[in-house]
Amino acid sequence: MTILPHVDSAAGEAALDRELKGLIADVLGLAPSQAEAFGPDSGLFGHLPELDSMAVAGLLTEMEDRLGIVIEDDDVDGEMLETYGALLAFAKSKLDPR
């Protein structure tokens, strides 16, 4: 599990962004440079052939392990996996101490 600074700080958001991009690259077998290029509007599910329904389970499990979060079945929907920005916002909401 990675210890991230509070995500309500710029350093925390940057650390989460780096961790999430690295996690995606690892789980999907992408080149790190490909994951690093993800922006808020970069498409994920339905856009990356590597991210199929089986890979989604692995991605969510790895997010739980590395980020120290719990993802409930009700949390998962197509919208959170549609873009990198949506997935980042989801991860941030799970880490938000409020």
Protein backbone atom coordinates (compact mmCIF):
# COMPACT_ATOMS: atom_id res chain seq x y z
CA MET A 1 0.00 0.00 0.00
CA THR A 2 1.29 3.43 -0.91
CA ILE A 3 1.06 6.18 1.67
CA LEU A 4 -0.18 9.30 -0.06
CA PRO A 5 -0.23 12.83 1.34
CA HIS A 6 -3.67 14.31 1.93
CA VAL A 7 -5.36 14.52 -1.46
CA ASP A 8 -6.72 17.95 -0.65
CA SER A 9 -3.23 19.38 -1.26
CA ALA A 10 -1.53 19.90 -4.61
CA ALA A 11 1.23 17.48 -3.59
CA GLY A 12 -1.36 14.89 -2.62
CA GLU A 13 -3.22 15.21 -5.90
CA ALA A 14 0.03 14.92 -7.86
CA ALA A 15 1.06 11.84 -5.87
CA LEU A 16 -2.33 10.23 -6.44
CA ASP A 17 -2.12 11.02 -10.16
CA ARG A 18 1.33 9.38 -10.41
CA GLU A 19 0.26 6.35 -8.38
CA LEU A 20 -2.93 5.82 -10.38
CA LYS A 21 -1.12 6.12 -13.72
CA GLY A 22 1.53 3.65 -12.55
CA LEU A 23 -1.14 1.28 -11.30
CA ILE A 24 -2.99 1.39 -14.63
CA ALA A 25 0.24 0.78 -16.54
CA ASP A 26 1.12 -2.19 -14.32
CA VAL A 27 -2.32 -3.84 -14.39
CA LEU A 28 -2.93 -3.35 -18.10
CA GLY A 29 0.65 -3.93 -19.24
CA LEU A 30 0.89 -0.48 -20.82
CA ALA A 31 4.12 1.37 -21.42
CA PRO A 32 4.63 3.86 -18.56
CA SER A 33 4.84 6.66 -21.12
CA GLN A 34 1.38 5.76 -22.45
CA ALA A 35 -0.12 5.97 -18.97
CA GLU A 36 1.78 9.17 -18.20
CA ALA A 37 0.12 10.79 -21.22
CA PHE A 38 -3.37 10.26 -19.77
CA GLY A 39 -5.29 13.46 -19.23
CA PRO A 40 -8.69 14.07 -17.67
CA ASP A 41 -10.52 13.29 -20.93
CA SER A 42 -8.48 10.22 -21.89
CA GLY A 43 -10.87 7.35 -22.54
CA LEU A 44 -10.47 4.15 -20.55
CA PHE A 45 -13.16 1.47 -20.68
CA GLY A 46 -14.24 1.05 -24.28
CA HIS A 47 -11.21 2.99 -25.50
CA LEU A 48 -8.30 0.88 -24.31
CA PRO A 49 -8.44 -2.67 -25.67
CA GLU A 50 -6.43 -3.81 -22.65
CA LEU A 51 -9.19 -2.67 -20.28
CA ASP A 52 -11.82 -5.32 -20.76
CA SER A 53 -14.27 -6.60 -18.15
CA MET A 54 -11.72 -9.02 -16.70
CA ALA A 55 -9.10 -6.29 -16.40
CA VAL A 56 -11.57 -4.03 -14.58
CA ALA A 57 -11.67 -6.48 -11.66
CA GLY A 58 -7.87 -6.53 -11.50
CA LEU A 59 -7.67 -2.76 -11.71
CA LEU A 60 -10.15 -2.24 -8.89
CA THR A 61 -8.45 -4.84 -6.69
CA GLU A 62 -5.08 -3.21 -7.26
CA MET A 63 -6.56 0.21 -6.46
CA GLU A 64 -7.83 -1.17 -3.15
CA ASP A 65 -4.45 -2.72 -2.34
CA ARG A 66 -2.20 0.17 -3.36
CA LEU A 67 -4.39 3.04 -2.24
CA GLY A 68 -5.73 1.41 0.90
CA ILE A 69 -9.35 1.98 -0.04
CA VAL A 70 -12.45 -0.18 -0.13
CA ILE A 71 -14.48 -0.21 -3.33
CA GLU A 72 -18.01 -1.46 -2.85
CA ASP A 73 -19.93 -3.12 -5.68
CA ASP A 74 -22.35 -0.18 -5.67
CA ASP A 75 -19.43 2.22 -6.31
CA VAL A 76 -18.62 0.66 -9.67
CA ASP A 77 -20.35 1.98 -12.76
CA GLY A 78 -19.48 2.77 -16.35
CA GLU A 79 -19.14 6.47 -15.65
CA MET A 80 -16.26 6.07 -13.18
CA LEU A 81 -14.34 4.00 -15.74
CA GLU A 82 -15.17 6.10 -18.79
CA THR A 83 -12.24 8.53 -18.54
CA TYR A 84 -9.03 8.83 -16.60
CA GLY A 85 -10.35 12.01 -14.99
CA ALA A 86 -13.44 10.20 -13.72
CA LEU A 87 -11.33 7.37 -12.26
CA LEU A 88 -8.97 9.89 -10.63
CA ALA A 89 -11.94 11.79 -9.14
CA PHE A 90 -13.35 8.50 -7.83
CA ALA A 91 -10.02 7.56 -6.20
CA LYS A 92 -9.73 11.03 -4.71
CA SER A 93 -13.24 10.79 -3.25
CA LYS A 94 -12.34 7.47 -1.62
CA LEU A 95 -9.20 8.98 -0.08
CA ASP A 96 -10.81 12.25 1.04
CA PRO A 97 -10.74 12.28 4.84
CA ARG A 98 -13.98 14.25 5.07
